[in-house]
């Protein structure tokens, strides 16, 4: 019975994920100026592959997370495996990675977020040792290997796309008890998966997403459930609810956005004006179907400015119209992905005196074999061509049920809005100091005066304190640390303070005197890491000195030469961590040269067995 229930819920989840609903939305809108450049399908008839989230790894790489079903049917719990799909700008597959989970308790990733050095966190549905379906949070490394996973408390009650929030040292994970009498929770885990704190909603609820705010606090979107006696029967009512949380999980405020009916929240997006964009579903009781997708724009004080509703006139599906993703545009409009039917929409905020946004244009997604492709998330490129990348899936029922992943590229869309500036008020310069530890003259104790180092905005807190020793040894973290240097050669020790919004400030210390030009070059060379080195298969991973940054400095590039100095390849240093492939070269010694925008260079010897 339990397996049958899971199969039915899985089918509903898969259908909702790809938006396989046939209906029309409102009045006919103007045709978009978008031009489809290409459309790609991935997958095999024998397996089901679903994609839940896609993130940009760099200018030329995208990583998708999802579930790989090991059999051609709606899988039982033991039939799912989480996997990553890496593609380039042309949509070609660069790498497929099955997440290593020896416990076979992983059922597929619903959402991922990236952390430093190519590592990240994921949330998915799992099948624990008690044979209960539960949400689990995992951490994976840059090779897709699972480092740990932690169960979130309580039985799984709703298969929804919970969205993680990465922190400088850990993750915030929303959890749901929707529909089983439980209360939603948000859990704070550190980088090792240990519980820091957990906050629970006051009512039976669902809590799909937590987003950061520029003042250092977090907004948590939940759906509270209440009971009301209707004219025919007792029914449930749902309300949108926003809670403001401090970095320690304390409640700073609460706002209800109730309507006359069922209001179920799905997404929450921070906007550039300091406000929020809430995406959800609404329906009129009692037990009204279909549901209507709704977009609500809130100002910085969480007061409603306007809304936009999508109605399915002739639909009779429980899911009704639904919005999967949204993006703010530079012209003040918003780009939406919707089901029923599957379309790309652009909406404009209302003019003065109105509270309803208007539809600018809509464009249906392509079809494959008579079925409509569904896009569940989008990525906008900030380029003159107005490039829009869509990611989603496609369901077929004949001759067998199957789900394949899909990529589409369009041009002609408006430019994206500038990203929210969380670092308008960064942490203050660290108040760091050091002292020698006798009798060893090369051992020093470094410490940070936390009281003299402010974290930044009003509600922010210091999340990480990192020490880069400048001698090639691994960095340490902590308020007070001890390090022994190999010699008293001048080095630069950098103390970096990061708050919970990933805003950082650094201070340089020189315990053995100022750096000479030669020492400066050695310090940079020591900070340039290549591993494995030597390499048995000719594949190396390069870590730049500023590996904790999101991108490499513009203009930095790499040159690979053989032992005679002949240039084999040149490529831009596009990300803090880059993979080098010398598998087609014969065994021997090679040289890697990193050239910085200021003209300075650092060289590293590479050895292939």
Protein backbone atom coordinates (compact mmCIF):
# COMPACT_ATOMS: atom_id res chain seq x y z
CA UNK A 1 0.00 0.00 0.00
CA UNK A 2 2.82 2.35 0.89
CA UNK A 3 4.60 1.64 -2.41
CA UNK A 4 1.40 2.30 -4.35
CA UNK A 5 0.95 5.61 -2.55
CA UNK A 6 4.51 6.62 -3.38
CA UNK A 7 4.05 5.72 -7.03
CA UNK A 8 0.94 7.86 -7.27
CA UNK A 9 2.65 10.75 -5.51
CA UNK A 10 5.70 10.33 -7.74
CA UNK A 11 3.55 10.46 -10.85
CA UNK A 12 1.89 13.66 -9.61
CA UNK A 13 5.32 15.12 -8.82
CA UNK A 14 6.71 14.24 -12.24
CA UNK A 15 3.68 15.68 -14.01
CA UNK A 16 3.81 18.84 -11.92
CA UNK A 17 7.56 19.14 -12.49
CA UNK A 18 7.20 19.19 -16.25
CA UNK A 19 3.85 21.00 -16.29
CA UNK A 20 2.05 18.52 -18.56
CA UNK A 21 -1.30 20.29 -18.58
CA UNK A 22 -3.28 21.30 -21.64
CA UNK A 23 -5.30 24.51 -21.42
CA UNK A 24 -5.15 28.12 -22.45
CA UNK A 25 -4.33 31.17 -20.40
CA UNK A 26 -6.52 34.23 -20.57
CA UNK A 27 -6.72 36.52 -23.59
CA UNK A 28 -4.40 36.21 -26.54
CA UNK A 29 -1.20 38.21 -26.05
CA UNK A 30 1.25 39.77 -28.46
CA UNK A 31 3.92 37.50 -29.93
CA UNK A 32 7.34 37.74 -28.38
CA UNK A 33 10.36 38.80 -30.40
CA UNK A 34 12.24 35.73 -29.19
CA UNK A 35 13.96 33.51 -31.74
CA UNK A 36 14.60 29.86 -30.92
CA UNK A 37 18.20 29.02 -31.79
CA UNK A 38 18.19 25.34 -30.85
CA UNK A 39 16.35 22.69 -28.87
CA UNK A 40 18.03 19.60 -27.41
CA UNK A 41 16.67 16.43 -25.82
CA UNK A 42 18.64 14.06 -23.62
CA UNK A 43 17.76 10.62 -22.36
CA UNK A 44 16.94 7.11 -23.51
CA UNK A 45 13.63 5.27 -23.95
CA UNK A 46 14.72 2.75 -21.32
CA UNK A 47 15.33 5.19 -18.47
CA UNK A 48 13.61 8.16 -16.85
CA UNK A 49 15.76 11.26 -16.32
CA UNK A 50 14.33 14.32 -14.61
CA UNK A 51 16.01 17.67 -13.97
CA UNK A 52 14.93 19.77 -11.00
CA UNK A 53 17.50 22.59 -10.89
CA UNK A 54 20.16 24.12 -13.16
CA UNK A 55 22.91 26.50 -12.05
CA UNK A 56 25.63 28.35 -13.91
CA UNK A 57 29.11 27.03 -13.12
CA UNK A 58 30.86 29.72 -15.15
CA UNK A 59 30.55 31.57 -18.46
CA UNK A 60 30.59 28.31 -20.45
CA UNK A 61 29.25 25.64 -18.08
CA UNK A 62 25.89 24.77 -16.57
CA UNK A 63 25.15 22.04 -14.04
CA UNK A 64 21.76 20.38 -13.63
CA UNK A 65 20.68 18.17 -10.73
CA UNK A 66 17.93 15.61 -10.85
CA UNK A 67 16.97 11.96 -10.59
CA UNK A 68 17.97 9.01 -12.71
CA UNK A 69 15.47 6.13 -12.61
CA UNK A 70 17.15 2.76 -13.00
CA UNK A 71 14.10 1.11 -14.54
CA UNK A 72 11.61 2.06 -17.21
CA UNK A 73 8.62 2.55 -14.92
CA UNK A 74 7.53 4.79 -12.09
CA UNK A 75 10.29 3.72 -9.74
CA UNK A 76 10.17 2.30 -6.28
CA UNK A 77 12.43 4.07 -3.75
CA UNK A 78 15.40 1.82 -4.47
CA UNK A 79 15.17 2.58 -8.19
CA UNK A 80 16.19 6.27 -8.03
CA UNK A 81 19.69 7.70 -8.03
CA UNK A 82 20.71 11.35 -7.87
CA UNK A 83 22.81 12.63 -10.74
CA UNK A 84 24.40 15.74 -12.24
CA UNK A 85 24.43 16.74 -15.88
CA UNK A 86 27.05 19.28 -17.00
CA UNK A 87 26.47 21.01 -20.35
CA UNK A 88 28.21 23.79 -22.29
CA UNK A 89 26.81 26.86 -24.04
CA UNK A 90 25.86 24.81 -27.12
CA UNK A 91 23.82 22.38 -25.04
CA UNK A 92 26.32 19.56 -25.52
CA UNK A 93 26.84 17.19 -22.59
CA UNK A 94 30.23 17.69 -20.98
CA UNK A 95 29.84 15.22 -18.14
CA UNK A 96 27.24 13.01 -16.46
CA UNK A 97 27.86 12.21 -12.79
CA UNK A 98 25.92 9.71 -10.72
CA UNK A 99 26.11 10.80 -7.09
CA UNK A 100 27.92 8.18 -5.07
CA UNK A 101 25.59 7.01 -2.30
CA UNK A 102 26.56 3.55 -1.07
CA UNK A 103 23.50 3.41 1.22
CA UNK A 104 21.16 3.49 -1.83
CA UNK A 105 18.92 5.82 0.15
CA UNK A 106 19.07 8.68 -2.34
CA UNK A 107 15.96 9.09 -4.47
CA UNK A 108 16.92 12.14 -6.48
CA UNK A 109 17.87 15.77 -5.97
CA UNK A 110 15.18 18.44 -5.98
CA UNK A 111 17.46 21.44 -5.60
CA UNK A 112 21.17 22.24 -5.40
CA UNK A 113 23.23 25.25 -4.39
CA UNK A 114 26.93 25.79 -4.99
CA UNK A 115 29.54 26.35 -2.30
CA UNK A 116 33.26 27.09 -2.56
CA UNK A 117 35.71 25.14 -4.75
CA UNK A 118 33.03 23.51 -6.86
CA UNK A 119 31.36 21.84 -3.90
CA UNK A 120 27.74 22.26 -3.02
CA UNK A 121 24.66 21.12 -1.17
CA UNK A 122 21.53 19.35 -2.36
CA UNK A 123 18.11 18.55 -0.98
CA UNK A 124 16.10 15.57 -2.13
CA UNK A 125 13.73 12.81 -1.11
CA UNK A 126 15.17 9.75 0.57
CA UNK A 127 14.12 6.35 1.87
CA UNK A 128 15.52 5.87 5.37
CA UNK A 129 16.29 2.69 7.31
CA UNK A 130 12.78 2.71 8.79
CA UNK A 131 11.38 2.64 5.22
CA UNK A 132 9.93 6.13 5.51
CA UNK A 133 10.13 8.81 2.83
CA UNK A 134 11.94 11.87 4.14
CA UNK A 135 13.79 14.93 2.95
CA UNK A 136 17.55 14.69 3.18
CA UNK A 137 20.29 17.29 2.76
CA UNK A 138 23.61 16.20 1.28
CA UNK A 139 26.97 17.75 0.56
CA UNK A 140 28.86 16.77 -2.56
CA UNK A 141 32.37 17.56 -3.76
CA UNK A 142 33.54 18.86 -7.15
CA UNK A 143 33.56 15.29 -8.54
CA UNK A 144 29.96 14.65 -7.56
CA UNK A 145 30.88 12.34 -4.69
CA UNK A 146 28.59 12.57 -1.68
CA UNK A 147 30.50 13.61 1.45
CA UNK A 148 27.59 13.35 3.89
CA UNK A 149 23.82 13.43 4.08
CA UNK A 150 21.54 14.33 6.95
CA UNK A 151 17.87 13.48 7.38
CA UNK A 152 15.49 16.31 8.14
CA UNK A 153 13.09 15.38 10.95
CA UNK A 154 9.65 13.96 10.27
CA UNK A 155 8.07 11.79 7.59
CA UNK A 156 7.75 13.12 4.06
CA UNK A 157 4.30 14.54 3.46
CA UNK A 158 4.61 16.51 0.24
CA UNK A 159 6.97 16.09 -2.72
CA UNK A 160 7.68 19.70 -3.55
CA UNK A 161 10.75 21.53 -4.80
CA UNK A 162 12.29 22.83 -1.57
CA UNK A 163 15.03 25.36 -2.31
CA UNK A 164 18.20 25.51 -0.25
CA UNK A 165 20.07 28.66 0.69
CA UNK A 166 23.85 28.37 0.78
CA UNK A 167 25.73 30.13 3.57
CA UNK A 168 29.48 30.79 3.93
CA UNK A 169 29.73 27.84 6.31
CA UNK A 170 26.72 25.63 5.82
CA UNK A 171 23.21 25.76 4.46
CA UNK A 172 19.62 26.70 5.34
CA UNK A 173 17.18 23.91 4.47
CA UNK A 174 13.38 24.46 4.45
CA UNK A 175 11.30 21.42 5.37
CA UNK A 176 7.61 20.61 4.94
CA UNK A 177 5.00 18.76 6.94
CA UNK A 178 2.23 19.94 4.63
CA UNK A 179 -0.94 17.81 4.68
CA UNK A 180 -0.01 15.55 7.60
CA UNK A 181 -0.78 17.80 10.55
CA UNK A 182 2.87 18.76 10.94
CA UNK A 183 4.55 22.14 11.01
CA UNK A 184 7.12 23.38 8.50
CA UNK A 185 10.65 24.00 9.74
CA UNK A 186 13.82 25.67 8.52
CA UNK A 187 17.06 23.96 9.58
CA UNK A 188 20.54 25.48 9.80
CA UNK A 189 23.36 22.99 9.15
CA UNK A 190 27.06 23.80 9.25
CA UNK A 191 29.59 22.70 6.64
CA UNK A 192 29.93 19.26 8.24
CA UNK A 193 26.18 18.69 8.39
CA UNK A 194 25.84 19.32 12.12
CA UNK A 195 22.67 20.98 13.39
CA UNK A 196 23.17 24.62 14.40
CA UNK A 197 19.52 25.51 14.97
CA UNK A 198 16.00 24.78 13.77
CA UNK A 199 12.90 26.98 13.76
CA UNK A 200 9.37 25.64 13.37
CA UNK A 201 6.24 27.39 12.13
CA UNK A 202 3.45 27.97 14.64
CA UNK A 203 0.80 26.17 12.57
CA UNK A 204 0.41 23.18 10.30
CA UNK A 205 2.25 24.51 7.29
CA UNK A 206 4.49 24.21 4.27
CA UNK A 207 7.73 26.21 3.93
CA UNK A 208 9.32 25.97 0.47
CA UNK A 209 11.96 28.71 0.39
CA UNK A 210 14.24 31.02 2.37
CA UNK A 211 15.91 34.03 0.70
CA UNK A 212 18.50 36.53 2.01
CA UNK A 213 17.66 40.20 2.51
CA UNK A 214 20.09 43.14 2.16
CA UNK A 215 19.90 43.91 5.90
CA UNK A 216 21.41 40.52 6.75
CA UNK A 217 18.15 38.82 7.74
CA UNK A 218 16.19 36.11 5.88
CA UNK A 219 12.65 35.96 4.51
CA UNK A 220 10.96 32.57 4.92
CA UNK A 221 7.94 31.81 2.75
CA UNK A 222 5.42 29.46 4.35
CA UNK A 223 1.83 28.42 3.80
CA UNK A 224 -0.20 28.24 7.02
CA UNK A 225 -3.20 25.93 7.18
CA UNK A 226 -6.36 26.69 9.13
CA UNK A 227 -9.74 24.98 9.40
CA UNK A 228 -13.03 26.67 8.66
CA UNK A 229 -16.60 25.43 8.55
CA UNK A 230 -17.92 25.90 5.04
CA UNK A 231 -21.50 25.87 3.79
CA UNK A 232 -21.25 22.20 2.82
CA UNK A 233 -18.47 20.66 4.81
CA UNK A 234 -15.42 21.40 6.95
CA UNK A 235 -12.55 22.35 4.68
CA UNK A 236 -9.01 23.58 4.93
CA UNK A 237 -7.91 27.10 4.11
CA UNK A 238 -4.36 28.16 3.29
CA UNK A 239 -2.65 31.53 3.72
CA UNK A 240 0.60 32.96 2.40
CA UNK A 241 2.83 33.87 5.33
CA UNK A 242 6.24 35.57 5.38
CA UNK A 243 8.50 35.38 8.41
CA UNK A 244 11.59 37.50 8.90
CA UNK A 245 14.39 35.57 10.62
CA UNK A 246 17.71 36.68 12.05
CA UNK A 247 20.89 34.73 11.14
CA UNK A 248 20.40 32.87 14.44
CA UNK A 249 16.84 31.90 13.51
CA UNK A 250 15.08 34.38 15.81
CA UNK A 251 11.78 35.82 14.58
CA UNK A 252 11.98 39.50 13.58
CA UNK A 253 8.51 39.86 12.10
CA UNK A 254 5.57 38.15 10.36
CA UNK A 255 3.17 39.17 7.57
CA UNK A 256 0.08 37.30 6.32
CA UNK A 257 -1.03 37.74 2.70
CA UNK A 258 -4.37 35.99 2.90
CA UNK A 259 -6.98 35.85 0.17
CA UNK A 260 -10.46 34.34 -0.05
CA UNK A 261 -9.48 30.73 -0.53
CA UNK A 262 -6.47 28.49 -0.78
CA UNK A 263 -3.10 30.25 -1.07
CA UNK A 264 -0.08 27.97 -1.55
CA UNK A 265 3.39 29.52 -1.85
CA UNK A 266 5.96 28.09 -4.28
CA UNK A 267 8.77 30.62 -4.84
CA UNK A 268 10.19 33.78 -3.28
CA UNK A 269 12.58 36.07 -5.17
CA UNK A 270 14.42 39.14 -3.85
CA UNK A 271 14.03 42.13 -6.20
CA UNK A 272 16.51 44.94 -6.86
CA UNK A 273 14.32 47.56 -5.14
CA UNK A 274 14.61 45.77 -1.79
CA UNK A 275 11.23 44.08 -2.14
CA UNK A 276 10.10 40.54 -2.87
CA UNK A 277 8.31 38.69 -5.65
CA UNK A 278 6.05 35.93 -4.30
CA UNK A 279 4.94 33.15 -6.64
CA UNK A 280 2.16 30.80 -5.63
CA UNK A 281 -1.22 29.26 -6.38
CA UNK A 282 -4.74 30.32 -5.42
CA UNK A 283 -8.16 28.72 -5.71
CA UNK A 284 -11.65 29.54 -4.48
CA UNK A 285 -13.22 27.18 -1.89
CA UNK A 286 -14.73 24.82 -1.20
CA UNK A 287 -12.31 22.41 -2.93
CA UNK A 288 -12.21 24.61 -6.00
CA UNK A 289 -10.33 23.48 -9.07
CA UNK A 290 -8.41 24.38 -11.08
CA UNK A 291 -5.84 26.38 -9.14
CA UNK A 292 -4.74 29.78 -10.44
CA UNK A 293 -1.12 30.85 -10.57
CA UNK A 294 -0.52 34.17 -8.84
CA UNK A 295 2.39 36.62 -8.70
CA UNK A 296 2.47 39.17 -5.86
CA UNK A 297 4.97 42.05 -5.78
CA UNK A 298 5.86 43.37 -2.32
CA UNK A 299 7.82 46.50 -1.44
CA UNK A 300 10.67 46.65 1.07
CA UNK A 301 8.14 46.80 3.93
CA UNK A 302 6.33 43.72 2.58
CA UNK A 303 3.27 45.71 1.56
CA UNK A 304 1.56 44.49 -1.61
CA UNK A 305 2.14 46.70 -4.66
CA UNK A 306 0.47 44.66 -7.39
CA UNK A 307 -0.36 41.13 -8.47
CA UNK A 308 -0.89 39.08 -11.61
CA UNK A 309 -3.12 36.00 -11.87
CA UNK A 310 -3.19 33.26 -14.51
CA UNK A 311 -6.50 31.44 -14.86
CA UNK A 312 -7.13 28.21 -16.73
CA UNK A 313 -10.62 28.81 -18.20
CA UNK A 314 -11.52 25.25 -19.15
CA UNK A 315 -9.09 23.17 -17.11
CA UNK A 316 -10.12 20.51 -14.66
CA UNK A 317 -6.73 19.40 -13.39
CA UNK A 318 -5.91 19.81 -9.72
CA UNK A 319 -2.64 21.55 -10.52
CA UNK A 320 -4.25 24.14 -12.78
CA UNK A 321 -1.99 26.95 -13.93
CA UNK A 322 1.39 27.02 -12.20
CA UNK A 323 4.49 29.19 -12.35
CA UNK A 324 7.86 27.46 -12.14
CA UNK A 325 10.41 30.27 -12.35
CA UNK A 326 10.73 34.05 -12.73
CA UNK A 327 13.43 36.58 -13.53
CA UNK A 328 13.46 40.34 -13.04
CA UNK A 329 14.36 42.33 -16.16
CA UNK A 330 16.28 45.59 -16.46
CA UNK A 331 13.20 47.34 -17.93
CA UNK A 332 11.24 46.66 -14.73
CA UNK A 333 9.25 43.77 -16.22
CA UNK A 334 9.32 40.11 -15.16
CA UNK A 335 9.88 36.95 -17.18
CA UNK A 336 7.80 33.91 -16.14
CA UNK A 337 7.66 30.20 -16.97
CA UNK A 338 4.19 28.71 -16.68
CA UNK A 339 2.21 25.53 -17.24
CA UNK A 340 -1.29 25.13 -18.70
CA UNK A 341 -0.12 25.38 -21.37
CA UNK A 342 3.65 25.65 -21.15
CA UNK A 343 4.69 29.17 -22.10
CA UNK A 344 7.22 31.94 -21.56
CA UNK A 345 5.57 35.17 -20.44
CA UNK A 346 6.65 38.75 -19.89
CA UNK A 347 4.51 40.87 -17.59
CA UNK A 348 4.70 44.59 -16.84
CA UNK A 349 3.90 46.27 -13.51
CA UNK A 350 0.68 48.31 -13.54
CA UNK A 351 0.57 51.98 -14.33
CA UNK A 352 -0.50 54.51 -11.71
CA UNK A 353 -3.87 53.80 -10.13
CA UNK A 354 -3.96 50.07 -10.89
CA UNK A 355 -3.02 47.05 -8.79
CA UNK A 356 -2.89 44.45 -11.57
CA UNK A 357 0.10 43.74 -13.81
CA UNK A 358 -0.42 43.31 -17.55
CA UNK A 359 0.74 40.67 -20.02
CA UNK A 360 3.25 42.03 -22.55
CA UNK A 361 3.67 38.86 -24.63
CA UNK A 362 3.57 35.08 -24.37
CA UNK A 363 5.30 32.40 -26.41
CA UNK A 364 4.43 28.67 -26.33
CA UNK A 365 7.23 26.16 -25.94
CA UNK A 366 7.99 23.70 -28.76
CA UNK A 367 6.45 20.24 -29.15
CA UNK A 368 8.09 16.87 -29.55
CA UNK A 369 6.12 13.87 -30.77
CA UNK A 370 2.87 15.71 -30.19
CA UNK A 371 3.71 16.53 -26.59
CA UNK A 372 4.60 19.98 -25.25
CA UNK A 373 7.99 20.58 -23.75
CA UNK A 374 7.87 22.04 -20.23
CA UNK A 375 10.57 24.41 -18.96
CA UNK A 376 10.89 24.50 -15.18
CA UNK A 377 13.77 26.99 -14.79
CA UNK A 378 15.56 29.64 -16.80
CA UNK A 379 18.96 31.33 -16.99
CA UNK A 380 19.42 34.75 -18.61
CA UNK A 381 22.72 35.81 -20.18
CA UNK A 382 23.59 39.48 -19.92
CA UNK A 383 24.67 39.89 -23.53
CA UNK A 384 23.59 42.08 -26.49
CA UNK A 385 21.75 39.16 -28.11
CA UNK A 386 19.43 38.80 -25.11
CA UNK A 387 20.16 35.09 -24.65
CA UNK A 388 17.65 33.04 -22.67
CA UNK A 389 18.37 29.43 -21.66
CA UNK A 390 15.50 27.17 -20.66
CA UNK A 391 15.80 23.86 -18.83
CA UNK A 392 13.09 21.31 -18.26
CA UNK A 393 11.66 18.03 -19.45
CA UNK A 394 9.32 16.17 -21.73
CA UNK A 395 6.95 13.32 -20.85
CA UNK A 396 5.84 10.51 -23.14
CA UNK A 397 3.25 7.84 -22.34
CA UNK A 398 3.46 5.55 -25.34
CA UNK A 399 4.67 2.90 -25.67
CA UNK A 400 5.89 3.36 -22.08
CA UNK A 401 5.92 6.15 -19.54
CA UNK A 402 9.20 8.04 -19.82
CA UNK A 403 10.67 11.42 -18.90
CA UNK A 404 13.60 13.02 -20.75
CA UNK A 405 15.45 16.25 -20.06
CA UNK A 406 15.45 19.20 -22.44
CA UNK A 407 17.46 22.34 -23.19
CA UNK A 408 16.39 25.30 -25.30
CA UNK A 409 18.18 28.50 -26.29
CA UNK A 410 16.42 31.70 -27.38
CA UNK A 411 17.62 35.17 -28.28
CA UNK A 412 15.86 38.53 -28.27
CA UNK A 413 14.76 38.76 -24.65
CA UNK A 414 15.28 41.90 -22.56
CA UNK A 415 18.40 42.20 -20.42
CA UNK A 416 18.23 40.89 -16.84
CA UNK A 417 18.12 43.31 -13.95
CA UNK A 418 21.26 43.95 -11.95
CA UNK A 419 21.75 41.50 -9.10
CA UNK A 420 20.67 42.51 -5.61
CA UNK A 421 23.51 44.34 -3.85
CA UNK A 422 23.89 42.54 -0.53
CA UNK A 423 27.34 44.03 0.05
CA UNK A 424 26.46 47.73 0.12
CA UNK A 425 27.64 47.63 3.73
CA UNK A 426 30.42 44.97 3.96
CA UNK A 427 32.08 43.84 7.19
CA UNK A 428 34.58 46.27 8.65
CA UNK A 429 38.31 45.69 8.23
CA UNK A 430 39.28 42.81 10.54
CA UNK A 431 40.93 43.78 13.84
CA UNK A 432 43.51 40.98 13.61
CA UNK A 433 46.83 40.58 15.39
CA UNK A 434 49.57 38.00 16.01
CA UNK A 435 52.11 37.10 18.63
CA UNK A 436 55.16 34.82 18.64
CA UNK A 437 55.02 31.70 20.77
CA UNK A 438 58.34 31.12 22.53
CA UNK A 439 60.55 29.21 22.45
CA UNK A 440 59.76 28.49 18.75
CA UNK A 441 60.43 31.70 16.84
CA UNK A 442 58.61 30.40 13.74
CA UNK A 443 55.33 29.57 15.54
CA UNK A 444 52.76 32.33 15.87
CA UNK A 445 49.27 32.69 17.25
CA UNK A 446 46.87 34.78 15.18
CA UNK A 447 43.60 36.10 16.57
CA UNK A 448 40.67 38.26 15.53
CA UNK A 449 39.06 40.77 17.86
CA UNK A 450 35.42 40.03 17.01
CA UNK A 451 34.15 42.90 19.17
CA UNK A 452 36.18 45.35 17.09
CA UNK A 453 35.09 43.87 13.72
CA UNK A 454 31.52 44.66 12.70
CA UNK A 455 29.68 42.14 10.44
CA UNK A 456 28.03 44.70 8.13
CA UNK A 457 24.28 45.38 7.84
CA UNK A 458 21.91 45.64 10.80
CA UNK A 459 21.07 41.95 11.21
CA UNK A 460 24.22 40.43 9.70
CA UNK A 461 26.63 38.21 11.60
CA UNK A 462 30.20 37.05 11.00
CA UNK A 463 30.00 33.53 9.58
CA UNK A 464 33.61 32.69 8.68
CA UNK A 465 37.10 33.78 9.70
CA UNK A 466 39.74 32.41 7.31
CA UNK A 467 43.53 32.59 7.54
CA UNK A 468 45.61 32.20 4.37
CA UNK A 469 49.21 31.62 5.48
CA UNK A 470 50.86 32.55 2.18
CA UNK A 471 53.32 29.64 2.40
CA UNK A 472 51.35 27.08 0.37
CA UNK A 473 49.93 25.23 3.37
CA UNK A 474 46.15 24.75 3.71
CA UNK A 475 44.22 27.68 5.14
CA UNK A 476 42.70 27.54 8.62
CA UNK A 477 39.46 28.92 9.99
CA UNK A 478 38.60 30.24 13.41
CA UNK A 479 38.77 33.23 15.68
CA UNK A 480 42.16 32.21 17.15
CA UNK A 481 44.55 29.85 15.36
CA UNK A 482 48.21 28.82 15.63
CA UNK A 483 50.52 28.24 12.69
CA UNK A 484 54.11 27.13 12.40
CA UNK A 485 56.03 28.37 9.38
CA UNK A 486 58.80 26.35 7.75
CA UNK A 487 61.15 29.36 7.91
CA UNK A 488 61.17 33.05 8.74
CA UNK A 489 60.92 34.00 5.06
CA UNK A 490 58.64 37.04 4.60
CA UNK A 491 55.06 35.99 3.86
CA UNK A 492 51.69 37.65 3.61
CA UNK A 493 49.11 36.26 6.03
CA UNK A 494 45.60 37.24 4.99
CA UNK A 495 42.70 37.30 7.45
CA UNK A 496 39.33 37.29 5.68
CA UNK A 497 36.06 37.92 7.48
CA UNK A 498 32.84 36.81 5.73
CA UNK A 499 29.31 37.55 6.89
CA UNK A 500 26.18 35.48 6.30
CA UNK A 501 25.55 37.27 2.96
CA UNK A 502 28.92 36.16 1.48
CA UNK A 503 30.28 39.72 1.83
CA UNK A 504 33.95 39.67 2.81
CA UNK A 505 36.75 42.03 3.90
CA UNK A 506 40.42 41.15 4.30
CA UNK A 507 43.46 42.35 6.22
CA UNK A 508 47.07 41.48 5.41
CA UNK A 509 49.64 40.80 8.13
CA UNK A 510 53.42 40.49 7.60
CA UNK A 511 54.87 38.70 10.65
CA UNK A 512 58.41 38.42 9.19
CA UNK A 513 58.65 41.79 7.49
CA UNK A 514 57.47 43.20 4.13
CA UNK A 515 57.48 41.10 0.99
CA UNK A 516 60.13 41.59 -1.65
CA UNK A 517 59.22 41.27 -5.33
CA UNK A 518 60.59 37.71 -5.32
CA UNK A 519 58.67 36.85 -2.17
CA UNK A 520 55.50 38.27 -3.72
CA UNK A 521 55.93 36.01 -6.74
CA UNK A 522 56.60 32.99 -4.51
CA UNK A 523 53.52 33.74 -2.46
CA UNK A 524 51.35 33.80 -5.55
CA UNK A 525 52.91 30.60 -6.85
CA UNK A 526 52.32 28.88 -3.52
CA UNK A 527 48.67 29.88 -3.59
CA UNK A 528 48.21 28.40 -7.07
CA UNK A 529 47.20 24.78 -6.46
CA UNK A 530 47.09 21.95 -9.02
CA UNK A 531 45.83 18.49 -8.09
CA UNK A 532 46.38 15.67 -8.61
CA UNK A 533 49.96 16.40 -9.58
CA UNK A 534 51.41 14.06 -10.85
CA UNK A 535 48.35 12.80 -12.72
CA UNK A 536 48.00 9.28 -14.05
CA UNK A 537 45.42 10.11 -16.73
CA UNK A 538 46.53 13.63 -17.65
CA UNK A 539 43.58 15.37 -16.05
CA UNK A 540 44.32 18.15 -13.55
CA UNK A 541 42.25 20.53 -11.47
CA UNK A 542 43.59 24.07 -11.10
CA UNK A 543 42.67 26.19 -8.11
CA UNK A 544 43.39 29.89 -8.45
CA UNK A 545 44.74 31.93 -5.51
CA UNK A 546 41.36 33.71 -5.15
CA UNK A 547 39.39 30.45 -5.26
CA UNK A 548 36.71 31.68 -2.88
CA UNK A 549 35.58 34.34 -5.36
CA UNK A 550 32.70 33.66 -7.72
CA UNK A 551 34.72 34.38 -10.85
CA UNK A 552 38.34 34.75 -11.85
CA UNK A 553 39.66 38.27 -12.51
CA UNK A 554 38.54 39.42 -15.99
CA UNK A 555 41.38 39.06 -18.48
CA UNK A 556 43.31 36.33 -16.62
CA UNK A 557 44.33 33.49 -18.93
CA UNK A 558 46.19 30.17 -18.89
CA UNK A 559 48.93 28.88 -21.18
CA UNK A 560 50.03 25.24 -21.27
CA UNK A 561 53.45 24.43 -22.73
CA UNK A 562 55.46 21.24 -23.15
CA UNK A 563 58.94 20.69 -21.70
CA UNK A 564 60.50 22.52 -24.69
CA UNK A 565 58.35 25.61 -24.22
CA UNK A 566 56.05 24.98 -27.17
CA UNK A 567 52.53 26.29 -26.56
CA UNK A 568 49.96 23.49 -26.57
CA UNK A 569 46.86 25.44 -25.66
CA UNK A 570 45.62 28.74 -24.29
CA UNK A 571 42.36 29.37 -22.51
CA UNK A 572 40.77 32.03 -20.32
CA UNK A 573 40.76 31.53 -16.56
CA UNK A 574 36.99 31.81 -16.30
CA UNK A 575 36.39 30.39 -12.83
CA UNK A 576 38.34 29.98 -9.58
CA UNK A 577 38.55 26.23 -10.22
CA UNK A 578 39.36 24.96 -13.72
CA UNK A 579 39.93 21.48 -15.09
CA UNK A 580 42.84 20.89 -17.45
CA UNK A 581 42.84 17.93 -19.83
CA UNK A 582 46.21 16.60 -21.06
CA UNK A 583 44.93 13.05 -21.56
CA UNK A 584 45.77 13.24 -25.28
CA UNK A 585 49.37 14.25 -24.60
CA UNK A 586 52.15 11.73 -23.97
CA UNK A 587 53.53 11.22 -20.43
CA UNK A 588 56.09 13.81 -19.42
CA UNK A 589 56.63 17.25 -17.88
CA UNK A 590 54.49 20.25 -18.84
CA UNK A 591 54.30 23.85 -17.70
CA UNK A 592 51.25 25.85 -16.77
CA UNK A 593 51.49 29.65 -16.86
CA UNK A 594 48.81 31.86 -15.34
CA UNK A 595 48.89 35.46 -16.56
CA UNK A 596 47.03 38.07 -14.53
CA UNK A 597 45.39 41.21 -15.94
CA UNK A 598 48.23 43.35 -14.54
CA UNK A 599 50.77 41.37 -16.62
CA UNK A 600 52.28 39.38 -13.75
CA UNK A 601 52.65 35.63 -14.26
CA UNK A 602 52.89 32.50 -12.15
CA UNK A 603 54.17 29.16 -13.44
CA UNK A 604 53.54 25.64 -12.22
CA UNK A 605 55.06 22.34 -13.29
CA UNK A 606 52.65 19.60 -14.32
CA UNK A 607 53.68 15.96 -14.43
CA UNK A 608 51.80 13.26 -16.31
CA UNK A 609 52.92 9.69 -15.64
